[in-house]
Protein backbone atom coordinates (compact mmCIF):
# COMPACT_ATOMS: atom_id res chain seq x y z
CA MET A 1 61.06 132.25 45.75
CA LEU A 2 63.70 131.97 43.01
CA SER A 3 66.17 129.58 44.67
CA GLY A 4 66.55 126.32 42.76
CA LYS A 5 64.72 127.57 39.67
CA ARG A 6 66.24 127.66 36.20
CA PHE A 7 65.79 130.52 33.72
CA ARG A 8 66.69 131.07 30.06
CA PHE A 9 67.33 134.66 29.04
CA THR A 10 65.59 136.11 26.01
CA ARG A 11 68.36 138.69 25.58
CA SER A 12 71.86 139.36 26.85
CA VAL A 13 72.26 140.32 30.49
CA VAL A 14 75.20 141.17 32.74
CA GLY A 15 76.25 139.83 36.10
CA ILE A 16 79.25 140.18 38.38
CA GLN A 17 81.74 137.43 39.10
CA LEU A 18 84.94 137.29 41.10
CA VAL A 19 88.08 136.53 39.08
CA ASN A 20 91.24 136.25 41.18
CA GLY A 21 89.59 138.36 43.89
CA THR A 22 88.52 141.13 41.49
CA ALA A 23 84.89 141.83 40.61
CA MET A 24 84.42 141.57 36.84
CA LEU A 25 81.41 141.97 34.58
CA ALA A 26 80.11 138.71 33.16
CA ALA A 27 78.28 139.09 29.85
CA ILE A 28 75.63 136.37 29.72
CA PRO A 29 74.43 135.96 26.12
CA ALA A 30 70.83 135.54 24.98
CA ASN A 31 69.50 131.97 25.14
CA SER A 32 71.79 131.13 28.08
CA THR A 33 70.32 129.13 30.95
CA ILE A 34 71.13 129.82 34.61
CA GLU A 35 70.13 128.21 37.89
CA VAL A 36 69.41 130.43 40.89
CA LEU A 37 71.49 129.32 43.88
CA SER A 38 70.19 131.86 46.38
CA GLY A 39 67.54 134.48 46.11
CA PRO A 40 64.54 136.10 47.74
CA ASN A 41 63.34 134.34 50.87
CA GLU A 42 59.81 133.00 51.33
CA ASN A 43 58.60 136.52 52.22
CA GLY A 44 59.93 137.92 48.94
CA LYS A 45 62.76 139.82 50.65
CA VAL A 46 66.01 140.02 48.71
CA HIS A 47 69.26 140.22 50.65
CA ASP A 48 72.53 141.80 49.50
CA LYS A 49 70.90 144.88 47.94
CA GLY A 50 68.70 142.94 45.51
CA LEU A 51 71.33 140.46 44.33
CA VAL A 52 70.81 136.77 43.72
CA TYR A 53 73.57 134.27 43.05
CA VAL A 54 73.25 132.08 39.98
CA LEU A 55 75.17 129.25 38.39
CA TRP A 56 76.13 129.88 34.75
CA GLN A 57 78.64 127.72 32.88
CA ASP A 58 79.93 126.30 36.18
CA LYS A 59 80.57 129.83 37.49
CA THR A 60 78.83 131.61 40.36
CA VAL A 61 77.61 135.00 39.19
CA ALA A 62 75.76 137.72 41.11
CA MET A 63 72.79 139.29 39.33
CA PHE A 64 69.94 141.58 40.26
CA ALA A 65 66.82 139.56 41.04
CA VAL A 66 64.76 141.98 38.95
CA ASP A 67 66.88 141.14 35.86
CA VAL A 68 66.29 137.41 36.34
CA GLN A 69 62.54 137.95 36.72
CA ALA A 70 62.13 140.52 33.93
CA ARG A 71 64.46 139.06 31.30
CA GLY A 72 64.31 135.35 32.10
CA VAL A 73 61.81 132.68 31.12
CA GLU A 74 61.52 129.89 33.68
CA VAL A 75 62.69 126.53 32.39
CA GLU A 76 60.95 123.47 33.77
CA ALA A 77 63.17 120.91 35.46
CA GLN A 78 63.97 117.86 33.39
CA GLY A 79 65.08 114.40 34.38
CA ASN A 80 68.22 112.60 33.27
CA ASN A 81 69.33 112.79 29.64
CA GLY A 82 67.07 115.76 28.92
CA HIS A 83 63.85 113.77 29.34
CA LYS A 84 60.99 115.02 31.46
CA PRO A 85 60.51 113.22 34.77
CA LYS A 86 58.33 110.12 34.73
CA GLY A 87 54.68 111.08 34.91
CA ALA A 88 55.22 114.62 33.58
CA THR A 89 52.84 115.82 30.91
CA ALA A 90 53.45 117.84 27.74
């Protein structure tokens, strides 16, 4: 399940965002980090024709789940101020 996970992209990817009611391409540059808002359910099924919704630079963007999985590297959650949560190792 991708929901709630964060990914950093190793290369540029594209998504789709709504701007004033019009679908526009969103070019997401390499090294950008996104957070998946909705994605495959617990059975691995993806709704909306394979799209997941992600948060990038305070914008909701639709992307193909396969792009997130193939081009993204999962980023571990961190606590406040960029420090790992108490008790986390390495």
